[in-house]
mmCIF file of all heavy atoms, coordinates in Angstrom:
data_MODEL
# 
_entry.id   MODEL 
# 
loop_
_atom_site.group_PDB 
_atom_site.id 
_atom_site.type_symbol 
_atom_site.label_atom_id 
_atom_site.label_alt_id 
_atom_site.label_comp_id 
_atom_site.label_asym_id 
_atom_site.label_entity_id 
_atom_site.label_seq_id 
_atom_site.pdbx_PDB_ins_code 
_atom_site.Cartn_x 
_atom_site.Cartn_y 
_atom_site.Cartn_z 
_atom_site.occupancy 
_atom_site.B_iso_or_equiv 
_atom_site.pdbx_formal_charge 
_atom_site.auth_seq_id 
_atom_site.auth_comp_id 
_atom_site.auth_asym_id 
_atom_site.auth_atom_id 
_atom_site.pdbx_PDB_model_num 
ATOM 1   N N   . GLN A 1 1  ? 93.124  65.049 77.213  1.00 0.00 ? 1  GLN A N   1 
ATOM 2   C CA  . GLN A 1 1  ? 91.653  65.086 77.454  1.00 0.00 ? 1  GLN A CA  1 
ATOM 3   C C   . GLN A 1 1  ? 91.345  65.895 78.717  1.00 0.00 ? 1  GLN A C   1 
ATOM 4   O O   . GLN A 1 1  ? 90.292  66.436 78.852  1.00 0.00 ? 1  GLN A O   1 
ATOM 5   C CB  . GLN A 1 1  ? 91.153  63.653 77.614  1.00 0.00 ? 1  GLN A CB  1 
ATOM 6   C CG  . GLN A 1 1  ? 91.252  62.850 76.308  1.00 0.00 ? 1  GLN A CG  1 
ATOM 7   C CD  . GLN A 1 1  ? 90.774  61.431 76.585  1.00 0.00 ? 1  GLN A CD  1 
ATOM 8   O OE1 . GLN A 1 1  ? 90.559  61.016 77.623  1.00 0.00 ? 1  GLN A OE1 1 
ATOM 9   N NE2 . GLN A 1 1  ? 90.577  60.710 75.434  1.00 0.00 ? 1  GLN A NE2 1 
ATOM 10  N N   . ALA A 1 2  ? 92.283  65.940 79.656  1.00 0.00 ? 2  ALA A N   1 
ATOM 11  C CA  . ALA A 1 2  ? 92.098  66.684 80.903  1.00 0.00 ? 2  ALA A CA  1 
ATOM 12  C C   . ALA A 1 2  ? 93.048  67.825 80.916  1.00 0.00 ? 2  ALA A C   1 
ATOM 13  O O   . ALA A 1 2  ? 94.064  67.876 80.256  1.00 0.00 ? 2  ALA A O   1 
ATOM 14  C CB  . ALA A 1 2  ? 92.277  65.759 82.110  1.00 0.00 ? 2  ALA A CB  1 
ATOM 15  N N   . SER A 1 3  ? 92.761  68.843 81.705  1.00 0.00 ? 3  SER A N   1 
ATOM 16  C CA  . SER A 1 3  ? 93.678  69.992 81.818  1.00 0.00 ? 3  SER A CA  1 
ATOM 17  C C   . SER A 1 3  ? 93.826  70.294 83.293  1.00 0.00 ? 3  SER A C   1 
ATOM 18  O O   . SER A 1 3  ? 92.942  70.109 84.110  1.00 0.00 ? 3  SER A O   1 
ATOM 19  C CB  . SER A 1 3  ? 93.138  71.197 81.032  1.00 0.00 ? 3  SER A CB  1 
ATOM 20  O OG  . SER A 1 3  ? 91.887  71.566 81.536  1.00 0.00 ? 3  SER A OG  1 
ATOM 21  N N   . ALA A 1 4  ? 94.960  70.930 83.663  1.00 0.00 ? 4  ALA A N   1 
ATOM 22  C CA  . ALA A 1 4  ? 95.238  71.280 84.993  1.00 0.00 ? 4  ALA A CA  1 
ATOM 23  C C   . ALA A 1 4  ? 94.834  72.700 85.314  1.00 0.00 ? 4  ALA A C   1 
ATOM 24  O O   . ALA A 1 4  ? 94.663  73.492 84.414  1.00 0.00 ? 4  ALA A O   1 
ATOM 25  C CB  . ALA A 1 4  ? 96.739  71.070 85.245  1.00 0.00 ? 4  ALA A CB  1 
ATOM 26  N N   . THR A 1 5  ? 94.780  73.008 86.565  1.00 0.00 ? 5  THR A N   1 
ATOM 27  C CA  . THR A 1 5  ? 94.533  74.366 86.991  1.00 0.00 ? 5  THR A CA  1 
ATOM 28  C C   . THR A 1 5  ? 95.824  75.166 86.809  1.00 0.00 ? 5  THR A C   1 
ATOM 29  O O   . THR A 1 5  ? 96.890  74.620 86.731  1.00 0.00 ? 5  THR A O   1 
ATOM 30  C CB  . THR A 1 5  ? 94.088  74.441 88.431  1.00 0.00 ? 5  THR A CB  1 
ATOM 31  O OG1 . THR A 1 5  ? 95.138  73.932 89.288  1.00 0.00 ? 5  THR A OG1 1 
ATOM 32  C CG2 . THR A 1 5  ? 92.830  73.572 88.636  1.00 0.00 ? 5  THR A CG2 1 
ATOM 33  N N   . THR A 1 6  ? 95.717  76.460 86.903  1.00 0.00 ? 6  THR A N   1 
ATOM 34  C CA  . THR A 1 6  ? 96.918  77.325 86.720  1.00 0.00 ? 6  THR A CA  1 
ATOM 35  C C   . THR A 1 6  ? 97.603  77.600 88.043  1.00 0.00 ? 6  THR A C   1 
ATOM 36  O O   . THR A 1 6  ? 98.662  78.218 88.112  1.00 0.00 ? 6  THR A O   1 
ATOM 37  C CB  . THR A 1 6  ? 96.544  78.654 86.045  1.00 0.00 ? 6  THR A CB  1 
ATOM 38  O OG1 . THR A 1 6  ? 95.561  79.298 86.841  1.00 0.00 ? 6  THR A OG1 1 
ATOM 39  C CG2 . THR A 1 6  ? 96.016  78.407 84.657  1.00 0.00 ? 6  THR A CG2 1 
ATOM 40  N N   . ALA A 1 7  ? 97.037  77.172 89.165  1.00 0.00 ? 7  ALA A N   1 
ATOM 41  C CA  . ALA A 1 7  ? 97.666  77.447 90.439  1.00 0.00 ? 7  ALA A CA  1 
ATOM 42  C C   . ALA A 1 7  ? 98.899  76.676 90.632  1.00 0.00 ? 7  ALA A C   1 
ATOM 43  O O   . ALA A 1 7  ? 99.041  75.573 90.241  1.00 0.00 ? 7  ALA A O   1 
ATOM 44  C CB  . ALA A 1 7  ? 96.656  77.073 91.593  1.00 0.00 ? 7  ALA A CB  1 
ATOM 45  N N   . LYS A 1 8  ? 99.902  77.410 91.187  1.00 0.00 ? 8  LYS A N   1 
ATOM 46  C CA  . LYS A 1 8  ? 101.219 76.723 91.404  1.00 0.00 ? 8  LYS A CA  1 
ATOM 47  C C   . LYS A 1 8  ? 101.256 76.004 92.785  1.00 0.00 ? 8  LYS A C   1 
ATOM 48  O O   . LYS A 1 8  ? 100.632 76.427 93.741  1.00 0.00 ? 8  LYS A O   1 
ATOM 49  C CB  . LYS A 1 8  ? 102.335 77.823 91.414  1.00 0.00 ? 8  LYS A CB  1 
ATOM 50  C CG  . LYS A 1 8  ? 102.419 78.581 90.094  1.00 0.00 ? 8  LYS A CG  1 
ATOM 51  C CD  . LYS A 1 8  ? 102.842 77.696 88.962  1.00 0.00 ? 8  LYS A CD  1 
ATOM 52  C CE  . LYS A 1 8  ? 103.019 78.503 87.660  1.00 0.00 ? 8  LYS A CE  1 
ATOM 53  N NZ  . LYS A 1 8  ? 103.280 77.627 86.534  1.00 0.00 ? 8  LYS A NZ  1 
ATOM 54  N N   . ARG A 1 9  ? 101.961 74.840 92.751  1.00 0.00 ? 9  ARG A N   1 
ATOM 55  C CA  . ARG A 1 9  ? 102.072 74.086 93.971  1.00 0.00 ? 9  ARG A CA  1 
ATOM 56  C C   . ARG A 1 9  ? 103.094 74.788 94.904  1.00 0.00 ? 9  ARG A C   1 
ATOM 57  O O   . ARG A 1 9  ? 104.194 75.096 94.489  1.00 0.00 ? 9  ARG A O   1 
ATOM 58  C CB  . ARG A 1 9  ? 102.469 72.665 93.745  1.00 0.00 ? 9  ARG A CB  1 
ATOM 59  C CG  . ARG A 1 9  ? 102.710 71.865 95.029  1.00 0.00 ? 9  ARG A CG  1 
ATOM 60  C CD  . ARG A 1 9  ? 103.028 70.381 94.768  1.00 0.00 ? 9  ARG A CD  1 
ATOM 61  N NE  . ARG A 1 9  ? 101.820 69.680 94.446  1.00 0.00 ? 9  ARG A NE  1 
ATOM 62  C CZ  . ARG A 1 9  ? 101.623 69.067 93.258  1.00 0.00 ? 9  ARG A CZ  1 
ATOM 63  N NH1 . ARG A 1 9  ? 102.480 69.167 92.291  1.00 0.00 ? 9  ARG A NH1 1 
ATOM 64  N NH2 . ARG A 1 9  ? 100.497 68.404 93.071  1.00 0.00 ? 9  ARG A NH2 1 
ATOM 65  N N   . ALA A 1 10 ? 102.757 74.943 96.192  1.00 0.00 ? 10 ALA A N   1 
ATOM 66  C CA  . ALA A 1 10 ? 103.663 75.528 97.181  1.00 0.00 ? 10 ALA A CA  1 
ATOM 67  C C   . ALA A 1 10 ? 103.978 74.480 98.213  1.00 0.00 ? 10 ALA A C   1 
ATOM 68  O O   . ALA A 1 10 ? 103.059 73.964 98.839  1.00 0.00 ? 10 ALA A O   1 
ATOM 69  C CB  . ALA A 1 10 ? 103.072 76.789 97.838  1.00 0.00 ? 10 ALA A CB  1 
ATOM 70  N N   . TYR A 1 11 ? 105.228 74.183 98.394  1.00 0.00 ? 11 TYR A N   1 
ATOM 71  C CA  . TYR A 1 11 ? 105.674 73.201 99.351  1.00 0.00 ? 11 TYR A CA  1 
ATOM 72  C C   . TYR A 1 11 ? 105.887 73.826 100.736 1.00 0.00 ? 11 TYR A C   1 
ATOM 73  O O   . TYR A 1 11 ? 106.190 75.001 100.859 1.00 0.00 ? 11 TYR A O   1 
ATOM 74  C CB  . TYR A 1 11 ? 106.913 72.483 98.897  1.00 0.00 ? 11 TYR A CB  1 
ATOM 75  C CG  . TYR A 1 11 ? 106.832 71.564 97.721  1.00 0.00 ? 11 TYR A CG  1 
ATOM 76  C CD1 . TYR A 1 11 ? 107.237 71.990 96.423  1.00 0.00 ? 11 TYR A CD1 1 
ATOM 77  C CD2 . TYR A 1 11 ? 106.122 70.322 97.871  1.00 0.00 ? 11 TYR A CD2 1 
ATOM 78  C CE1 . TYR A 1 11 ? 107.051 71.149 95.370  1.00 0.00 ? 11 TYR A CE1 1 
ATOM 79  C CE2 . TYR A 1 11 ? 105.959 69.561 96.759  1.00 0.00 ? 11 TYR A CE2 1 
ATOM 80  C CZ  . TYR A 1 11 ? 106.411 69.917 95.467  1.00 0.00 ? 11 TYR A CZ  1 
ATOM 81  O OH  . TYR A 1 11 ? 106.241 69.125 94.430  1.00 0.00 ? 11 TYR A OH  1 
ATOM 82  N N   . HIS A 1 12 ? 105.731 72.996 101.744 1.00 0.00 ? 12 HIS A N   1 
ATOM 83  C CA  . HIS A 1 12 ? 106.067 73.440 103.104 1.00 0.00 ? 12 HIS A CA  1 
ATOM 84  C C   . HIS A 1 12 ? 107.508 73.824 103.152 1.00 0.00 ? 12 HIS A C   1 
ATOM 85  O O   . HIS A 1 12 ? 108.341 73.312 102.418 1.00 0.00 ? 12 HIS A O   1 
ATOM 86  C CB  . HIS A 1 12 ? 105.759 72.274 104.074 1.00 0.00 ? 12 HIS A CB  1 
ATOM 87  C CG  . HIS A 1 12 ? 105.922 72.650 105.522 1.00 0.00 ? 12 HIS A CG  1 
ATOM 88  N ND1 . HIS A 1 12 ? 107.102 72.715 106.201 1.00 0.00 ? 12 HIS A ND1 1 
ATOM 89  C CD2 . HIS A 1 12 ? 104.949 72.944 106.476 1.00 0.00 ? 12 HIS A CD2 1 
ATOM 90  C CE1 . HIS A 1 12 ? 106.927 73.050 107.430 1.00 0.00 ? 12 HIS A CE1 1 
ATOM 91  N NE2 . HIS A 1 12 ? 105.631 73.199 107.662 1.00 0.00 ? 12 HIS A NE2 1 
ATOM 92  N N   . ARG A 1 13 ? 107.840 74.810 104.035 1.00 0.00 ? 13 ARG A N   1 
ATOM 93  C CA  . ARG A 1 13 ? 109.182 75.305 104.064 1.00 0.00 ? 13 ARG A CA  1 
ATOM 94  C C   . ARG A 1 13 ? 110.224 74.194 104.366 1.00 0.00 ? 13 ARG A C   1 
ATOM 95  O O   . ARG A 1 13 ? 111.374 74.320 103.947 1.00 0.00 ? 13 ARG A O   1 
ATOM 96  C CB  . ARG A 1 13 ? 109.337 76.430 105.040 1.00 0.00 ? 13 ARG A CB  1 
ATOM 97  C CG  . ARG A 1 13 ? 108.912 76.081 106.502 1.00 0.00 ? 13 ARG A CG  1 
ATOM 98  C CD  . ARG A 1 13 ? 108.898 77.279 107.437 1.00 0.00 ? 13 ARG A CD  1 
ATOM 99  N NE  . ARG A 1 13 ? 108.454 76.942 108.746 1.00 0.00 ? 13 ARG A NE  1 
ATOM 100 C CZ  . ARG A 1 13 ? 109.285 76.562 109.724 1.00 0.00 ? 13 ARG A CZ  1 
ATOM 101 N NH1 . ARG A 1 13 ? 110.589 76.433 109.505 1.00 0.00 ? 13 ARG A NH1 1 
ATOM 102 N NH2 . ARG A 1 13 ? 108.803 76.281 110.897 1.00 0.00 ? 13 ARG A NH2 1 
ATOM 103 N N   . TRP A 1 14 ? 109.828 73.181 105.153 1.00 0.00 ? 14 TRP A N   1 
ATOM 104 C CA  . TRP A 1 14 ? 110.774 72.065 105.353 1.00 0.00 ? 14 TRP A CA  1 
ATOM 105 C C   . TRP A 1 14 ? 111.071 71.321 104.054 1.00 0.00 ? 14 TRP A C   1 
ATOM 106 O O   . TRP A 1 14 ? 112.195 70.890 103.812 1.00 0.00 ? 14 TRP A O   1 
ATOM 107 C CB  . TRP A 1 14 ? 110.197 71.065 106.383 1.00 0.00 ? 14 TRP A CB  1 
ATOM 108 C CG  . TRP A 1 14 ? 110.162 71.549 107.790 1.00 0.00 ? 14 TRP A CG  1 
ATOM 109 C CD1 . TRP A 1 14 ? 110.808 72.662 108.270 1.00 0.00 ? 14 TRP A CD1 1 
ATOM 110 C CD2 . TRP A 1 14 ? 109.487 70.983 108.909 1.00 0.00 ? 14 TRP A CD2 1 
ATOM 111 N NE1 . TRP A 1 14 ? 110.581 72.818 109.596 1.00 0.00 ? 14 TRP A NE1 1 
ATOM 112 C CE2 . TRP A 1 14 ? 109.784 71.817 110.029 1.00 0.00 ? 14 TRP A CE2 1 
ATOM 113 C CE3 . TRP A 1 14 ? 108.690 69.878 109.041 1.00 0.00 ? 14 TRP A CE3 1 
ATOM 114 C CZ2 . TRP A 1 14 ? 109.285 71.551 111.283 1.00 0.00 ? 14 TRP A CZ2 1 
ATOM 115 C CZ3 . TRP A 1 14 ? 108.172 69.591 110.334 1.00 0.00 ? 14 TRP A CZ3 1 
ATOM 116 C CH2 . TRP A 1 14 ? 108.493 70.436 111.438 1.00 0.00 ? 14 TRP A CH2 1 
ATOM 117 N N   . ALA A 1 15 ? 110.048 71.169 103.223 1.00 0.00 ? 15 ALA A N   1 
ATOM 118 C CA  . ALA A 1 15 ? 110.238 70.424 101.962 1.00 0.00 ? 15 ALA A CA  1 
ATOM 119 C C   . ALA A 1 15 ? 111.029 71.236 100.973 1.00 0.00 ? 15 ALA A C   1 
ATOM 120 O O   . ALA A 1 15 ? 111.655 70.700 100.063 1.00 0.00 ? 15 ALA A O   1 
ATOM 121 C CB  . ALA A 1 15 ? 108.911 70.009 101.387 1.00 0.00 ? 15 ALA A CB  1 
ATOM 122 N N   . LYS A 1 16 ? 111.011 72.605 101.077 1.00 0.00 ? 16 LYS A N   1 
ATOM 123 C CA  . LYS A 1 16 ? 111.728 73.447 100.142 1.00 0.00 ? 16 LYS A CA  1 
ATOM 124 C C   . LYS A 1 16 ? 113.173 73.702 100.568 1.00 0.00 ? 16 LYS A C   1 
ATOM 125 O O   . LYS A 1 16 ? 113.925 74.201 99.778  1.00 0.00 ? 16 LYS A O   1 
ATOM 126 C CB  . LYS A 1 16 ? 110.965 74.793 99.985  1.00 0.00 ? 16 LYS A CB  1 
ATOM 127 C CG  . LYS A 1 16 ? 109.696 74.773 99.189  1.00 0.00 ? 16 LYS A CG  1 
ATOM 128 C CD  . LYS A 1 16 ? 109.046 76.096 99.097  1.00 0.00 ? 16 LYS A CD  1 
ATOM 129 C CE  . LYS A 1 16 ? 109.911 77.010 98.250  1.00 0.00 ? 16 LYS A CE  1 
ATOM 130 N NZ  . LYS A 1 16 ? 109.966 76.615 96.824  1.00 0.00 ? 16 LYS A NZ  1 
ATOM 131 N N   . ASN A 1 17 ? 113.502 73.367 101.811 1.00 0.00 ? 17 ASN A N   1 
ATOM 132 C CA  . ASN A 1 17 ? 114.837 73.605 102.313 1.00 0.00 ? 17 ASN A CA  1 
ATOM 133 C C   . ASN A 1 17 ? 115.756 72.399 101.894 1.00 0.00 ? 17 ASN A C   1 
ATOM 134 O O   . ASN A 1 17 ? 115.631 71.344 102.395 1.00 0.00 ? 17 ASN A O   1 
ATOM 135 C CB  . ASN A 1 17 ? 114.820 73.752 103.862 1.00 0.00 ? 17 ASN A CB  1 
ATOM 136 C CG  . ASN A 1 17 ? 116.145 74.159 104.387 1.00 0.00 ? 17 ASN A CG  1 
ATOM 137 O OD1 . ASN A 1 17 ? 117.186 73.765 103.967 1.00 0.00 ? 17 ASN A OD1 1 
ATOM 138 N ND2 . ASN A 1 17 ? 116.105 75.024 105.420 1.00 0.00 ? 17 ASN A ND2 1 
ATOM 139 N N   . ASP A 1 18 ? 116.723 72.662 100.978 1.00 0.00 ? 18 ASP A N   1 
ATOM 140 C CA  . ASP A 1 18 ? 117.501 71.587 100.467 1.00 0.00 ? 18 ASP A CA  1 
ATOM 141 C C   . ASP A 1 18 ? 118.410 70.971 101.537 1.00 0.00 ? 18 ASP A C   1 
ATOM 142 O O   . ASP A 1 18 ? 118.666 69.759 101.538 1.00 0.00 ? 18 ASP A O   1 
ATOM 143 C CB  . ASP A 1 18 ? 118.437 72.122 99.331  1.00 0.00 ? 18 ASP A CB  1 
ATOM 144 C CG  . ASP A 1 18 ? 117.668 72.524 98.099  1.00 0.00 ? 18 ASP A CG  1 
ATOM 145 O OD1 . ASP A 1 18 ? 116.538 72.079 97.951  1.00 0.00 ? 18 ASP A OD1 1 
ATOM 146 O OD2 . ASP A 1 18 ? 118.222 73.222 97.280  1.00 0.00 ? 18 ASP A OD2 1 
ATOM 147 N N   . THR A 1 19 ? 118.802 71.738 102.513 1.00 0.00 ? 19 THR A N   1 
ATOM 148 C CA  . THR A 1 19 ? 119.650 71.258 103.607 1.00 0.00 ? 19 THR A CA  1 
ATOM 149 C C   . THR A 1 19 ? 118.835 70.213 104.506 1.00 0.00 ? 19 THR A C   1 
ATOM 150 O O   . THR A 1 19 ? 119.387 69.240 104.945 1.00 0.00 ? 19 THR A O   1 
ATOM 151 C CB  . THR A 1 19 ? 120.186 72.393 104.523 1.00 0.00 ? 19 THR A CB  1 
ATOM 152 O OG1 . THR A 1 19 ? 120.960 73.269 103.690 1.00 0.00 ? 19 THR A OG1 1 
ATOM 153 C CG2 . THR A 1 19 ? 121.021 71.892 105.584 1.00 0.00 ? 19 THR A CG2 1 
ATOM 154 N N   . LEU A 1 20 ? 117.559 70.500 104.692 1.00 0.00 ? 20 LEU A N   1 
ATOM 155 C CA  . LEU A 1 20 ? 116.762 69.608 105.481 1.00 0.00 ? 20 LEU A CA  1 
ATOM 156 C C   . LEU A 1 20 ? 116.213 68.454 104.645 1.00 0.00 ? 20 LEU A C   1 
ATOM 157 O O   . LEU A 1 20 ? 116.167 67.318 105.118 1.00 0.00 ? 20 LEU A O   1 
ATOM 158 C CB  . LEU A 1 20 ? 115.559 70.411 106.064 1.00 0.00 ? 20 LEU A CB  1 
ATOM 159 C CG  . LEU A 1 20 ? 115.846 71.566 106.973 1.00 0.00 ? 20 LEU A CG  1 
ATOM 160 C CD1 . LEU A 1 20 ? 114.532 72.139 107.563 1.00 0.00 ? 20 LEU A CD1 1 
ATOM 161 C CD2 . LEU A 1 20 ? 116.757 71.171 108.168 1.00 0.00 ? 20 LEU A CD2 1 
ATOM 162 N N   . GLU A 1 21 ? 115.837 68.741 103.452 1.00 0.00 ? 21 GLU A N   1 
ATOM 163 C CA  . GLU A 1 21 ? 115.161 67.776 102.554 1.00 0.00 ? 21 GLU A CA  1 
ATOM 164 C C   . GLU A 1 21 ? 116.087 66.777 101.914 1.00 0.00 ? 21 GLU A C   1 
ATOM 165 O O   . GLU A 1 21 ? 115.744 65.601 101.740 1.00 0.00 ? 21 GLU A O   1 
ATOM 166 C CB  . GLU A 1 21 ? 114.372 68.517 101.481 1.00 0.00 ? 21 GLU A CB  1 
ATOM 167 C CG  . GLU A 1 21 ? 113.479 67.653 100.632 1.00 0.00 ? 21 GLU A CG  1 
ATOM 168 C CD  . GLU A 1 21 ? 112.349 66.974 101.418 1.00 0.00 ? 21 GLU A CD  1 
ATOM 169 O OE1 . GLU A 1 21 ? 112.174 67.295 102.635 1.00 0.00 ? 21 GLU A OE1 1 
ATOM 170 O OE2 . GLU A 1 21 ? 111.668 66.152 100.846 1.00 0.00 ? 21 GLU A OE2 1 
ATOM 171 N N   . ASP A 1 22 ? 117.331 67.193 101.577 1.00 0.00 ? 22 ASP A N   1 
ATOM 172 C CA  . ASP A 1 22 ? 118.328 66.307 101.032 1.00 0.00 ? 22 ASP A CA  1 
ATOM 173 C C   . ASP A 1 22 ? 117.813 65.555 99.743  1.00 0.00 ? 22 ASP A C   1 
ATOM 174 O O   . ASP A 1 22 ? 118.156 64.431 99.506  1.00 0.00 ? 22 ASP A O   1 
ATOM 175 C CB  . ASP A 1 22 ? 118.765 65.250 102.022 1.00 0.00 ? 22 ASP A CB  1 
ATOM 176 C CG  . ASP A 1 22 ? 120.096 65.648 102.689 1.00 0.00 ? 22 ASP A CG  1 
ATOM 177 O OD1 . ASP A 1 22 ? 120.627 66.737 102.344 1.00 0.00 ? 22 ASP A OD1 1 
ATOM 178 O OD2 . ASP A 1 22 ? 120.583 64.835 103.499 1.00 0.00 ? 22 ASP A OD2 1 
ATOM 179 N N   . TYR A 1 23 ? 116.903 66.215 98.993  1.00 0.00 ? 23 TYR A N   1 
ATOM 180 C CA  . TYR A 1 23 ? 116.383 65.637 97.763  1.00 0.00 ? 23 TYR A CA  1 
ATOM 181 C C   . TYR A 1 23 ? 115.877 64.215 98.054  1.00 0.00 ? 23 TYR A C   1 
ATOM 182 O O   . TYR A 1 23 ? 116.252 63.305 97.331  1.00 0.00 ? 23 TYR A O   1 
ATOM 183 C CB  . TYR A 1 23 ? 117.422 65.664 96.659  1.00 0.00 ? 23 TYR A CB  1 
ATOM 184 C CG  . TYR A 1 23 ? 117.785 67.065 96.255  1.00 0.00 ? 23 TYR A CG  1 
ATOM 185 C CD1 . TYR A 1 23 ? 118.819 67.758 96.895  1.00 0.00 ? 23 TYR A CD1 1 
ATOM 186 C CD2 . TYR A 1 23 ? 117.102 67.716 95.238  1.00 0.00 ? 23 TYR A CD2 1 
ATOM 187 C CE1 . TYR A 1 23 ? 119.099 69.105 96.522  1.00 0.00 ? 23 TYR A CE1 1 
ATOM 188 C CE2 . TYR A 1 23 ? 117.390 69.060 94.913  1.00 0.00 ? 23 TYR A CE2 1 
ATOM 189 C CZ  . TYR A 1 23 ? 118.397 69.696 95.529  1.00 0.00 ? 23 TYR A CZ  1 
ATOM 190 O OH  . TYR A 1 23 ? 118.680 71.028 95.190  1.00 0.00 ? 23 TYR A OH  1 
ATOM 191 N N   . SER A 1 24 ? 115.063 64.109 99.104  1.00 0.00 ? 24 SER A N   1 
ATOM 192 C CA  . SER A 1 24 ? 114.652 62.765 99.570  1.00 0.00 ? 24 SER A CA  1 
ATOM 193 C C   . SER A 1 24 ? 113.845 61.994 98.569  1.00 0.00 ? 24 SER A C   1 
ATOM 194 O O   . SER A 1 24 ? 113.801 60.756 98.648  1.00 0.00 ? 24 SER A O   1 
ATOM 195 C CB  . SER A 1 24 ? 113.871 62.936 100.858 1.00 0.00 ? 24 SER A CB  1 
ATOM 196 O OG  . SER A 1 24 ? 112.688 63.712 100.626 1.00 0.00 ? 24 SER A OG  1 
ATOM 197 N N   . LEU A 1 25 ? 113.158 62.652 97.569  1.00 0.00 ? 25 LEU A N   1 
ATOM 198 C CA  . LEU A 1 25 ? 112.316 61.923 96.643  1.00 0.00 ? 25 LEU A CA  1 
ATOM 199 C C   . LEU A 1 25 ? 112.768 62.107 95.238  1.00 0.00 ? 25 LEU A C   1 
ATOM 200 O O   . LEU A 1 25 ? 112.072 61.819 94.250  1.00 0.00 ? 25 LEU A O   1 
ATOM 201 C CB  . LEU A 1 25 ? 110.869 62.391 96.767  1.00 0.00 ? 25 LEU A CB  1 
ATOM 202 C CG  . LEU A 1 25 ? 110.218 62.221 98.134  1.00 0.00 ? 25 LEU A CG  1 
ATOM 203 C CD1 . LEU A 1 25 ? 108.828 62.850 98.150  1.00 0.00 ? 25 LEU A CD1 1 
ATOM 204 C CD2 . LEU A 1 25 ? 110.116 60.725 98.469  1.00 0.00 ? 25 LEU A CD2 1 
ATOM 205 N N   . ARG A 1 26 ? 114.009 62.578 95.032  1.00 0.00 ? 26 ARG A N   1 
ATOM 206 C CA  . ARG A 1 26 ? 114.467 63.015 93.789  1.00 0.00 ? 26 ARG A CA  1 
ATOM 207 C C   . ARG A 1 26 ? 115.850 62.473 93.433  1.00 0.00 ? 26 ARG A C   1 
ATOM 208 O O   . ARG A 1 26 ? 116.557 61.933 94.297  1.00 0.00 ? 26 ARG A O   1 
ATOM 209 C CB  . ARG A 1 26 ? 114.516 64.543 93.675  1.00 0.00 ? 26 ARG A CB  1 
ATOM 210 C CG  . ARG A 1 26 ? 113.299 65.335 94.026  1.00 0.00 ? 26 ARG A CG  1 
ATOM 211 C CD  . ARG A 1 26 ? 113.618 66.806 93.914  1.00 0.00 ? 26 ARG A CD  1 
ATOM 212 N NE  . ARG A 1 26 ? 112.534 67.689 94.361  1.00 0.00 ? 26 ARG A NE  1 
ATOM 213 C CZ  . ARG A 1 26 ? 111.574 68.089 93.559  1.00 0.00 ? 26 ARG A CZ  1 
ATOM 214 N NH1 . ARG A 1 26 ? 111.546 67.688 92.310  1.00 0.00 ? 26 ARG A NH1 1 
ATOM 215 N NH2 . ARG A 1 26 ? 110.676 68.911 94.026  1.00 0.00 ? 26 ARG A NH2 1 
ATOM 216 N N   . TYR A 1 27 ? 116.182 62.642 92.178  1.00 0.00 ? 27 TYR A N   1 
ATOM 217 C CA  . TYR A 1 27 ? 117.563 62.590 91.708  1.00 0.00 ? 27 TYR A CA  1 
ATOM 218 C C   . TYR A 1 27 ? 118.385 63.613 92.498  1.00 0.00 ? 27 TYR A C   1 
ATOM 219 O O   . TYR A 1 27 ? 117.936 64.742 92.660  1.00 0.00 ? 27 TYR A O   1 
ATOM 220 C CB  . TYR A 1 27 ? 117.560 62.792 90.206  1.00 0.00 ? 27 TYR A CB  1 
ATOM 221 C CG  . TYR A 1 27 ? 118.866 63.381 89.632  1.00 0.00 ? 27 TYR A CG  1 
ATOM 222 C CD1 . TYR A 1 27 ? 119.886 62.435 89.284  1.00 0.00 ? 27 TYR A CD1 1 
ATOM 223 C CD2 . TYR A 1 27 ? 119.053 64.702 89.364  1.00 0.00 ? 27 TYR A CD2 1 
ATOM 224 C CE1 . TYR A 1 27 ? 121.091 62.966 88.735  1.00 0.00 ? 27 TYR A CE1 1 
ATOM 225 C CE2 . TYR A 1 27 ? 120.208 65.199 88.803  1.00 0.00 ? 27 TYR A CE2 1 
ATOM 226 C CZ  . TYR A 1 27 ? 121.224 64.271 88.506  1.00 0.00 ? 27 TYR A CZ  1 
ATOM 227 O OH  . TYR A 1 27 ? 122.356 64.769 87.906  1.00 0.00 ? 27 TYR A OH  1 
# 
């Protein structure tokens, strides 16, 4: 019933750095 926008989500560089982030919210 709802639809999303086409804009892509961009994460802060700290959140995108695997060494810093350590997949803190993920598998």
